[in-house]
């Protein structure tokens, strides 16, 4: 396991009290006490790493943003999703991220630090939401109670979602003031800025509510209130991101992967994404991908071809993995952005769940995405004029594009919208179907079989009703 811990690992070994220095029964290399802030930093680093690499490349392949040109990821690209390939992702999210957050909450309760509790709970909601959106029914109510059971029940996704929304509301209510000084250097995402955490929590709540908008659990009144009366992420300076460091072990996970011998260019541009961007004359094409030096245009690789390598296929941007490139090393994992915030609002308005101007929100979303990827304002304005808002599918298409490099969320958002229509990958190992969920991991099947739901990768999630 390669877990990014920007701060926690630097400070963990300094936690031994001077009073215990001569205690022969105390091992100074293995402290028994850790501060809540260090655990929050550790959880943020773990969440960013697993989202930025393990869940990212799986979601990006299934959503056809990326494709694979070597054998390494061909199984996912052709829909051969093996339970053994999901053990690490599942266990790391539970045993690393969620366990750290649960312990941080307990320590913060002892310290009576409501702000730290609120931040840790918001991160718990985010983490659980990613897990349930990939797998459906999951251990939730008993998941972190290891003293009581090693075989937790799987809660229905409906119950998980309602629990997460309630937990998010409770967590937000705990945040008081503008800044939590104790987390200023340990909270890598917002540096203890409570206003940013409040906006993030509100926008995350909007994401969760809009995800279940086609179900009987949907609460339109809450959506209306969020869109019209709360602070949401409104600019790229407010984006929820995790930025990496410049030392070994702290690099962006894709940079780290691409700089492993033999792995330098495992992933290429999907023909689906390239062709869509070219048809729209979308300037983000240059930001997302590099064309081969042997060509004068972008050529995408059709998903599912794997080992059929062609020299002229466009690759993921060189600036993401150029050896020694500071920007590549520190390029952040994206958790929630202004572009998604505006697209969620536009979707809510377009579907009649909130008041507002869907076309204006649509334009703001595209402008935010263009700015995020370094596109000049004049180019963005020209693109918006050429691709105006028409209907709900305009929003879904732009959301599919804007969630590039956010594989887990891109995959969930596409399954909810069923738009744009994606072709089935070549060499499909799943008939004529694109998988609509991850398979439950082998470790769960072997150790908690009595509780693992009997489903397959073609069984739709509770919220996926179309």
Protein backbone atom coordinates (compact mmCIF):
# COMPACT_ATOMS: atom_id res chain seq x y z
CA UNK A 1 0.00 0.00 0.00
CA UNK A 2 1.35 3.43 -0.92
CA UNK A 3 -0.53 5.89 1.24
CA UNK A 4 0.05 9.60 0.91
CA UNK A 5 0.35 11.27 4.29
CA UNK A 6 1.63 14.78 3.88
CA UNK A 7 1.82 15.73 7.52
CA UNK A 8 0.91 12.82 9.76
CA UNK A 9 3.96 10.70 9.00
CA UNK A 10 6.26 13.64 9.67
CA UNK A 11 4.89 14.24 13.15
CA UNK A 12 3.71 10.86 14.32
CA UNK A 13 7.03 9.88 15.86
CA UNK A 14 7.32 13.05 17.93
CA UNK A 15 4.36 12.16 20.11
CA UNK A 16 6.24 10.46 22.97
CA UNK A 17 6.25 12.42 26.21
CA UNK A 18 9.55 13.42 27.80
CA UNK A 19 8.22 11.93 31.03
CA UNK A 20 8.31 8.51 29.41
CA UNK A 21 11.77 8.85 27.87
CA UNK A 22 13.43 6.47 30.33
CA UNK A 23 10.50 4.07 30.57
CA UNK A 24 11.92 0.77 29.31
CA UNK A 25 8.38 -0.44 28.62
CA UNK A 26 7.70 2.38 26.16
CA UNK A 27 8.90 2.04 22.57
CA UNK A 28 9.54 5.59 21.34
CA UNK A 29 9.24 4.42 17.73
CA UNK A 30 5.61 3.36 18.20
CA UNK A 31 3.61 6.01 20.06
CA UNK A 32 0.27 4.98 21.50
CA UNK A 33 -1.38 8.39 21.18
CA UNK A 34 -2.03 10.45 18.09
CA UNK A 35 -3.69 13.85 17.82
CA UNK A 36 -6.98 14.13 15.95
CA UNK A 37 -5.51 16.57 13.44
CA UNK A 38 -2.86 14.08 12.37
CA UNK A 39 -5.53 11.46 11.74
CA UNK A 40 -7.58 13.92 9.68
CA UNK A 41 -4.47 14.68 7.60
CA UNK A 42 -3.83 10.96 7.18
CA UNK A 43 -7.44 10.31 6.12
CA UNK A 44 -7.38 13.17 3.61
CA UNK A 45 -4.16 11.83 2.11
CA UNK A 46 -5.50 8.30 1.86
CA UNK A 47 -8.81 9.41 0.36
CA UNK A 48 -7.02 11.56 -2.23
CA UNK A 49 -4.63 8.76 -3.18
CA UNK A 50 -7.30 6.10 -3.69
CA UNK A 51 -9.60 8.54 -5.51
CA UNK A 52 -6.74 9.91 -7.58
CA UNK A 53 -5.47 6.58 -8.80
CA UNK A 54 -7.27 3.33 -7.95
CA UNK A 55 -10.85 4.55 -8.36
CA UNK A 56 -9.91 7.20 -10.87
CA UNK A 57 -8.54 4.98 -13.63
CA UNK A 58 -11.35 2.44 -13.22
CA UNK A 59 -14.04 5.13 -13.51
CA UNK A 60 -12.30 6.98 -16.34
CA UNK A 61 -12.04 3.80 -18.40
CA UNK A 62 -15.68 2.81 -17.83
CA UNK A 63 -16.85 6.35 -18.58
CA UNK A 64 -14.68 6.41 -21.71
CA UNK A 65 -12.60 9.44 -20.87
CA UNK A 66 -9.50 7.26 -21.03
CA UNK A 67 -8.62 3.99 -22.72
CA UNK A 68 -5.71 1.60 -22.30
CA UNK A 69 -3.02 0.85 -24.85
CA UNK A 70 -1.21 -1.84 -22.89
CA UNK A 71 -2.32 -5.01 -21.10
CA UNK A 72 -2.16 -3.44 -17.61
CA UNK A 73 -5.73 -2.12 -17.48
CA UNK A 74 -7.25 -4.05 -20.33
CA UNK A 75 -9.54 -6.07 -18.05
CA UNK A 76 -11.42 -2.95 -16.93
CA UNK A 77 -11.42 -1.48 -20.43
CA UNK A 78 -13.14 -4.59 -21.83
CA UNK A 79 -15.46 -5.02 -18.79
CA UNK A 80 -13.77 -8.06 -17.22
CA UNK A 81 -14.21 -6.78 -13.67
CA UNK A 82 -12.67 -9.28 -11.28
CA UNK A 83 -13.50 -9.27 -7.53
CA UNK A 84 -9.82 -9.71 -6.68
CA UNK A 85 -9.01 -6.41 -8.39
CA UNK A 86 -11.20 -4.48 -5.96
CA UNK A 87 -9.86 -5.80 -2.64
CA UNK A 88 -7.33 -3.00 -2.12
CA UNK A 89 -9.70 -0.20 -3.07
CA UNK A 90 -12.42 -1.43 -0.71
CA UNK A 91 -10.17 -2.27 2.23
CA UNK A 92 -8.16 0.94 1.96
CA UNK A 93 -11.26 3.12 1.99
CA UNK A 94 -12.60 1.33 5.05
CA UNK A 95 -9.51 0.33 7.03
CA UNK A 96 -7.45 3.43 6.32
CA UNK A 97 -9.65 6.42 5.54
CA UNK A 98 -12.80 5.67 7.54
CA UNK A 99 -11.00 4.15 10.53
CA UNK A 100 -8.74 7.22 10.78
CA UNK A 101 -11.74 9.52 10.64
CA UNK A 102 -13.65 7.50 13.23
CA UNK A 103 -10.71 7.68 15.63
CA UNK A 104 -10.28 11.41 14.93
CA UNK A 105 -13.91 11.97 15.90
CA UNK A 106 -13.47 10.06 19.17
CA UNK A 107 -10.36 12.06 20.08
CA UNK A 108 -12.03 15.34 19.13
CA UNK A 109 -15.00 14.48 21.34
CA UNK A 110 -12.62 14.12 24.28
CA UNK A 111 -11.09 17.47 23.38
CA UNK A 112 -14.58 18.99 22.88
CA UNK A 113 -13.48 20.28 19.47
CA UNK A 114 -16.74 20.46 17.53
CA UNK A 115 -15.08 21.93 14.44
CA UNK A 116 -12.71 18.99 14.11
CA UNK A 117 -15.63 16.61 14.66
CA UNK A 118 -17.62 18.36 11.95
CA UNK A 119 -14.76 18.24 9.43
CA UNK A 120 -14.09 14.55 10.11
CA UNK A 121 -17.78 13.73 9.75
CA UNK A 122 -18.02 15.60 6.43
CA UNK A 123 -15.07 13.56 5.16
CA UNK A 124 -16.77 10.38 6.40
CA UNK A 125 -19.90 11.25 4.44
CA UNK A 126 -17.84 11.93 1.32
CA UNK A 127 -15.97 8.64 1.67
CA UNK A 128 -19.07 6.54 2.32
CA UNK A 129 -20.85 8.23 -0.59
CA UNK A 130 -18.08 7.23 -3.01
CA UNK A 131 -18.16 3.65 -1.73
CA UNK A 132 -21.94 3.26 -1.99
CA UNK A 133 -22.03 4.91 -5.42
CA UNK A 134 -19.59 2.29 -6.70
CA UNK A 135 -21.00 -0.78 -4.95
CA UNK A 136 -24.59 -0.07 -3.85
CA UNK A 137 -25.53 -1.75 -0.55
CA UNK A 138 -22.53 -1.53 1.78
CA UNK A 139 -21.56 -1.94 5.44
CA UNK A 140 -22.57 1.36 7.02
CA UNK A 141 -24.35 1.15 10.37
CA UNK A 142 -21.96 -1.56 11.65
CA UNK A 143 -19.01 -0.80 9.42
CA UNK A 144 -16.69 0.79 11.98
CA UNK A 145 -17.83 -1.09 15.08
CA UNK A 146 -15.06 -3.68 14.96
CA UNK A 147 -15.36 -4.37 18.69
CA UNK A 148 -18.83 -5.81 18.09
CA UNK A 149 -18.50 -7.57 14.74
CA UNK A 150 -16.06 -8.54 12.02
CA UNK A 151 -18.92 -9.39 9.67
CA UNK A 152 -21.00 -6.20 9.42
CA UNK A 153 -24.38 -6.23 7.74
CA UNK A 154 -24.84 -4.55 4.38
CA UNK A 155 -27.28 -1.68 4.68
CA UNK A 156 -29.66 -1.00 1.77
CA UNK A 157 -28.39 1.90 -0.31
CA UNK A 158 -31.56 3.85 0.41
CA UNK A 159 -30.82 3.71 4.13
CA UNK A 160 -27.18 4.60 3.53
CA UNK A 161 -28.12 7.68 1.53
CA UNK A 162 -30.66 8.94 4.04
CA UNK A 163 -28.14 8.35 6.80
CA UNK A 164 -25.42 10.24 4.94
CA UNK A 165 -27.63 13.25 4.27
CA UNK A 166 -28.66 13.39 7.94
CA UNK A 167 -25.04 12.97 9.05
CA UNK A 168 -23.94 15.75 6.72
CA UNK A 169 -26.54 18.10 8.13
CA UNK A 170 -25.40 17.28 11.66
CA UNK A 171 -21.74 17.74 10.75
CA UNK A 172 -22.36 21.14 9.15
CA UNK A 173 -24.19 22.34 12.27
CA UNK A 174 -21.08 21.66 14.35
CA UNK A 175 -18.93 24.13 12.41
CA UNK A 176 -18.66 27.45 14.22
CA UNK A 177 -16.63 30.49 13.28
CA UNK A 178 -14.40 31.18 10.31
CA UNK A 179 -11.29 29.16 11.09
CA UNK A 180 -10.15 26.18 13.13
CA UNK A 181 -6.61 27.13 14.11
CA UNK A 182 -5.70 23.66 15.38
CA UNK A 183 -6.08 22.32 11.83
CA UNK A 184 -4.44 25.17 9.93
CA UNK A 185 -1.39 23.06 9.01
CA UNK A 186 -2.91 19.58 9.25
CA UNK A 187 -6.03 20.00 7.12
CA UNK A 188 -4.50 19.75 3.64
CA UNK A 189 -7.77 20.41 1.80
CA UNK A 190 -8.86 23.75 3.31
CA UNK A 191 -6.25 24.54 6.01
CA UNK A 192 -8.91 24.84 8.69
CA UNK A 193 -10.99 27.39 6.73
CA UNK A 194 -14.47 26.67 8.05
CA UNK A 195 -16.26 28.77 5.44
CA UNK A 196 -14.74 26.56 2.75
CA UNK A 197 -15.79 23.45 4.67
CA UNK A 198 -19.36 24.78 4.96
CA UNK A 199 -19.55 25.44 1.20
CA UNK A 200 -18.08 22.02 0.49
CA UNK A 201 -20.62 20.33 2.79
CA UNK A 202 -23.52 22.20 1.17
CA UNK A 203 -22.35 21.30 -2.34
CA UNK A 204 -21.78 17.68 -1.35
CA UNK A 205 -25.31 17.59 0.04
CA UNK A 206 -26.61 18.93 -3.28
CA UNK A 207 -24.69 16.19 -5.11
CA UNK A 208 -26.22 13.50 -2.89
CA UNK A 209 -29.74 14.88 -3.22
CA UNK A 210 -29.56 15.19 -6.98
CA UNK A 211 -28.18 11.67 -7.24
CA UNK A 212 -31.41 10.32 -5.72
CA UNK A 213 -33.76 12.71 -7.54
CA UNK A 214 -35.46 9.84 -9.37
CA UNK A 215 -36.28 7.90 -6.19
CA UNK A 216 -39.02 8.02 -3.58
CA UNK A 217 -36.51 9.35 -1.02
CA UNK A 218 -35.88 12.60 -2.91
CA UNK A 219 -36.54 15.84 -1.02
CA UNK A 220 -37.02 18.67 -3.51
CA UNK A 221 -37.51 21.22 -0.73
CA UNK A 222 -33.96 20.61 0.50
CA UNK A 223 -32.62 21.10 -3.01
CA UNK A 224 -34.54 24.34 -3.44
CA UNK A 225 -33.20 25.61 -0.13
CA UNK A 226 -29.62 24.75 -1.04
CA UNK A 227 -29.74 26.42 -4.46
CA UNK A 228 -31.43 29.59 -3.26
CA UNK A 229 -30.27 30.09 0.29
CA UNK A 230 -26.88 28.55 1.12
CA UNK A 231 -23.23 29.07 0.28
CA UNK A 232 -22.10 26.61 -2.39
CA UNK A 233 -18.72 26.27 -4.09
CA UNK A 234 -18.74 29.27 -6.40
CA UNK A 235 -15.22 29.59 -7.80
CA UNK A 236 -12.13 27.52 -8.47
CA UNK A 237 -10.43 29.12 -5.49
CA UNK A 238 -13.04 27.28 -3.39
CA UNK A 239 -12.60 23.86 -5.01
CA UNK A 240 -12.12 20.89 -2.69
CA UNK A 241 -8.76 19.52 -3.80
CA UNK A 242 -5.84 17.68 -2.27
CA UNK A 243 -2.49 19.00 -3.48
CA UNK A 244 0.58 16.78 -3.23
CA UNK A 245 4.16 17.45 -2.24
CA UNK A 246 7.50 17.34 -4.03
CA UNK A 247 9.21 14.50 -2.16
CA UNK A 248 9.20 10.77 -2.86
CA UNK A 249 6.01 9.17 -1.58
CA UNK A 250 4.11 12.46 -1.69
CA UNK A 251 3.71 12.81 -5.45
CA UNK A 252 0.42 12.81 -7.32
CA UNK A 253 -0.45 9.10 -7.66
CA UNK A 254 -0.72 9.18 -11.46
CA UNK A 255 2.65 10.92 -11.72
CA UNK A 256 4.08 8.29 -9.42
CA UNK A 257 2.54 5.51 -11.49
CA UNK A 258 3.64 6.89 -14.85
CA UNK A 259 7.21 7.22 -13.58
CA UNK A 260 7.36 3.54 -12.65
CA UNK A 261 9.52 1.61 -15.15
CA UNK A 262 7.37 0.11 -17.89
CA UNK A 263 4.27 2.09 -16.93
CA UNK A 264 5.07 5.44 -18.50
CA UNK A 265 2.11 5.55 -20.87
CA UNK A 266 -0.36 2.88 -19.82
CA UNK A 267 -3.36 5.12 -20.43
CA UNK A 268 -4.39 6.97 -23.57
CA UNK A 269 -7.21 9.17 -24.77
CA UNK A 270 -10.51 7.43 -25.40
CA UNK A 271 -11.78 7.86 -28.95
CA UNK A 272 -15.22 8.58 -27.46
CA UNK A 273 -13.92 11.60 -25.52
CA UNK A 274 -11.60 12.87 -28.26
CA UNK A 275 -14.27 12.66 -30.96
CA UNK A 276 -16.83 14.41 -28.75
CA UNK A 277 -14.46 17.27 -27.91
CA UNK A 278 -13.44 17.66 -31.54
CA UNK A 279 -17.08 17.79 -32.67
CA UNK A 280 -17.71 20.62 -30.21
CA UNK A 281 -14.44 22.40 -31.04
CA UNK A 282 -13.74 22.20 -27.31
CA UNK A 283 -10.45 23.89 -26.28
CA UNK A 284 -10.14 21.56 -23.27
CA UNK A 285 -8.92 18.90 -25.71
CA UNK A 286 -5.43 20.45 -25.56
CA UNK A 287 -5.49 20.49 -21.76
CA UNK A 288 -6.67 16.90 -21.38
CA UNK A 289 -4.46 15.20 -23.96
CA UNK A 290 -1.30 15.41 -26.03
CA UNK A 291 -1.24 14.32 -29.65
CA UNK A 292 1.50 11.96 -30.73
CA UNK A 293 4.62 13.67 -32.11
CA UNK A 294 4.04 11.62 -35.25
CA UNK A 295 0.72 13.33 -36.06
CA UNK A 296 -0.82 16.74 -36.51
CA UNK A 297 -4.20 15.93 -34.98
CA UNK A 298 -5.70 14.19 -31.97
CA UNK A 299 -6.58 10.55 -32.52
CA UNK A 300 -8.37 8.68 -29.74
CA UNK A 301 -7.98 4.99 -29.00
CA UNK A 302 -11.30 3.06 -29.04
CA UNK A 303 -11.95 1.44 -25.66
CA UNK A 304 -11.37 -2.27 -25.39
CA UNK A 305 -8.55 -2.72 -27.88
CA UNK A 306 -5.86 -2.91 -25.22
CA UNK A 307 -2.72 -4.42 -26.69
CA UNK A 308 -3.34 -3.14 -30.23
CA UNK A 309 -0.90 -0.26 -29.83
CA UNK A 310 -0.84 2.51 -32.41
CA UNK A 311 1.87 5.16 -32.33
CA UNK A 312 -0.47 7.97 -33.26
CA UNK A 313 -2.93 7.65 -30.35
CA UNK A 314 -3.26 10.73 -28.18
CA UNK A 315 -2.03 10.29 -24.63
CA UNK A 316 -2.95 11.78 -21.30
CA UNK A 317 -1.21 15.14 -21.12
CA UNK A 318 2.57 14.95 -20.80
CA UNK A 319 2.39 17.74 -18.23
CA UNK A 320 0.78 15.21 -15.88
CA UNK A 321 3.77 12.92 -15.68
CA UNK A 322 6.87 14.65 -17.10
CA UNK A 323 9.75 13.43 -14.91
CA UNK A 324 10.89 16.13 -12.50
CA UNK A 325 8.03 18.46 -13.39
CA UNK A 326 6.93 20.24 -10.21
CA UNK A 327 3.41 20.86 -11.54
CA UNK A 328 3.05 17.18 -12.42
CA UNK A 329 4.24 16.04 -9.00
CA UNK A 330 1.87 18.34 -7.10
CA UNK A 331 -1.17 18.19 -9.46
CA UNK A 332 -4.14 17.77 -7.11
CA UNK A 333 -6.77 15.10 -6.72
CA UNK A 334 -10.14 16.74 -7.36
CA UNK A 335 -12.91 16.10 -4.83
CA UNK A 336 -15.55 18.69 -5.75
CA UNK A 337 -15.26 21.71 -8.03
CA UNK A 338 -17.08 24.90 -8.95
CA UNK A 339 -17.90 23.45 -12.37
CA UNK A 340 -19.75 20.54 -10.79
CA UNK A 341 -21.43 22.87 -8.30
CA UNK A 342 -22.92 25.01 -11.08
CA UNK A 343 -23.91 21.95 -13.13
CA UNK A 344 -25.74 20.46 -10.14
CA UNK A 345 -27.58 23.75 -9.67
CA UNK A 346 -28.40 23.92 -13.38
CA UNK A 347 -29.71 20.36 -13.28
CA UNK A 348 -31.90 21.16 -10.26
CA UNK A 349 -33.37 24.20 -11.99
CA UNK A 350 -33.85 22.44 -15.33
CA UNK A 351 -35.74 19.62 -13.64
CA UNK A 352 -37.98 22.05 -11.74
CA UNK A 353 -36.57 21.35 -8.27
CA UNK A 354 -35.30 24.90 -7.70
CA UNK A 355 -35.79 28.37 -9.08
CA UNK A 356 -33.15 30.09 -11.17
CA UNK A 357 -31.75 30.44 -14.67
CA UNK A 358 -30.53 27.08 -15.96
CA UNK A 359 -28.83 28.66 -18.98
CA UNK A 360 -26.87 31.08 -16.80
CA UNK A 361 -25.78 28.32 -14.42
CA UNK A 362 -24.81 26.17 -17.40
CA UNK A 363 -22.63 28.99 -18.76
CA UNK A 364 -21.02 29.57 -15.35
CA UNK A 365 -20.23 25.86 -15.11
CA UNK A 366 -18.47 25.80 -18.48
CA UNK A 367 -16.57 28.99 -17.67
CA UNK A 368 -15.41 27.48 -14.35
CA UNK A 369 -14.31 24.26 -16.04
CA UNK A 370 -12.44 26.15 -18.74
CA UNK A 371 -10.67 28.28 -16.14
CA UNK A 372 -9.83 25.18 -14.10
CA UNK A 373 -8.07 23.67 -17.12
CA UNK A 374 -6.25 26.84 -18.14
CA UNK A 375 -8.40 27.90 -21.11
CA UNK A 376 -8.41 31.62 -21.87
CA UNK A 377 -11.62 33.52 -21.04
CA UNK A 378 -12.16 34.64 -24.65
CA UNK A 379 -11.98 31.05 -25.86
CA UNK A 380 -14.39 29.96 -23.15
CA UNK A 381 -16.89 32.68 -24.06
CA UNK A 382 -16.70 31.75 -27.74
CA UNK A 383 -17.30 28.09 -26.88
CA UNK A 384 -20.32 28.90 -24.71
CA UNK A 385 -21.81 31.01 -27.51
CA UNK A 386 -21.32 28.16 -29.97
CA UNK A 387 -22.70 25.52 -27.59
CA UNK A 388 -25.65 27.18 -25.83
CA UNK A 389 -27.91 25.56 -23.28
CA UNK A 390 -30.76 23.69 -24.98
CA UNK A 391 -32.15 21.17 -22.51
CA UNK A 392 -31.20 18.82 -19.68
CA UNK A 393 -28.95 16.80 -22.00
CA UNK A 394 -26.83 19.91 -22.56
CA UNK A 395 -26.11 19.86 -18.84
CA UNK A 396 -25.42 16.12 -18.75
CA UNK A 397 -23.01 16.35 -21.66
CA UNK A 398 -21.06 19.19 -20.07
CA UNK A 399 -21.00 17.36 -16.77
CA UNK A 400 -19.52 14.29 -18.47
CA UNK A 401 -16.78 16.50 -19.90
CA UNK A 402 -16.17 18.58 -16.78
CA UNK A 403 -15.71 15.51 -14.57
CA UNK A 404 -12.62 14.49 -16.54
CA UNK A 405 -9.95 13.13 -14.15
CA UNK A 406 -12.62 12.51 -11.49
CA UNK A 407 -13.24 8.90 -12.42
CA UNK A 408 -15.40 7.75 -9.53
CA UNK A 409 -17.77 10.71 -9.75
CA UNK A 410 -17.76 10.71 -13.56
CA UNK A 411 -18.86 7.06 -13.53
CA UNK A 412 -21.63 7.70 -10.99
CA UNK A 413 -22.87 10.83 -12.74
CA UNK A 414 -22.97 9.09 -16.13
CA UNK A 415 -24.94 6.12 -14.76
CA UNK A 416 -27.49 8.47 -13.20
CA UNK A 417 -27.93 10.52 -16.40
CA UNK A 418 -27.45 7.77 -19.01
CA UNK A 419 -26.06 10.51 -21.22
CA UNK A 420 -24.13 10.85 -23.43
CA UNK A 421 -24.79 7.46 -24.98
CA UNK A 422 -21.53 5.52 -24.91
CA UNK A 423 -20.62 2.73 -27.31
CA UNK A 424 -19.89 -0.70 -25.86
CA UNK A 425 -16.15 -1.30 -25.77
CA UNK A 426 -14.53 -3.63 -28.26
CA UNK A 427 -13.65 -7.13 -27.06
CA UNK A 428 -16.32 -6.81 -24.38
CA UNK A 429 -16.30 -9.58 -21.78
CA UNK A 430 -19.74 -8.53 -20.55
CA UNK A 431 -21.94 -9.10 -23.56
CA UNK A 432 -23.37 -5.91 -25.00
CA UNK A 433 -23.48 -4.14 -21.64
CA UNK A 434 -21.42 -1.48 -19.91
CA UNK A 435 -21.08 -2.47 -16.22
CA UNK A 436 -23.21 -0.39 -13.87
CA UNK A 437 -21.41 -1.17 -10.61
CA UNK A 438 -18.15 -2.51 -9.23
CA UNK A 439 -18.07 -6.16 -8.18
CA UNK A 440 -17.89 -6.82 -4.45
CA UNK A 441 -14.27 -7.60 -3.53
CA UNK A 442 -13.08 -11.15 -3.09
CA UNK A 443 -12.04 -10.57 0.53
CA UNK A 444 -15.62 -9.67 1.41
CA UNK A 445 -17.03 -12.65 -0.44
CA UNK A 446 -14.64 -14.99 1.37
CA UNK A 447 -14.98 -13.55 4.90
CA UNK A 448 -18.46 -11.99 5.04
CA UNK A 449 -20.30 -14.09 2.48
CA UNK A 450 -23.51 -14.30 4.50
CA UNK A 451 -23.99 -10.54 4.19
CA UNK A 452 -22.66 -9.76 0.70
CA UNK A 453 -25.60 -9.09 -1.67
CA UNK A 454 -26.17 -11.53 -4.50
CA UNK A 455 -25.76 -9.18 -7.47
CA UNK A 456 -23.54 -8.83 -10.52
CA UNK A 457 -21.96 -5.94 -12.40
CA UNK A 458 -25.11 -5.51 -14.49
CA UNK A 459 -27.42 -5.07 -11.48
CA UNK A 460 -28.38 -1.40 -11.26
CA UNK A 461 -27.99 0.52 -8.02
CA UNK A 462 -31.05 1.72 -6.11
CA UNK A 463 -30.78 5.29 -7.43
CA UNK A 464 -30.10 4.19 -11.04
CA UNK A 465 -33.72 4.01 -12.20
CA UNK A 466 -33.51 4.85 -15.91
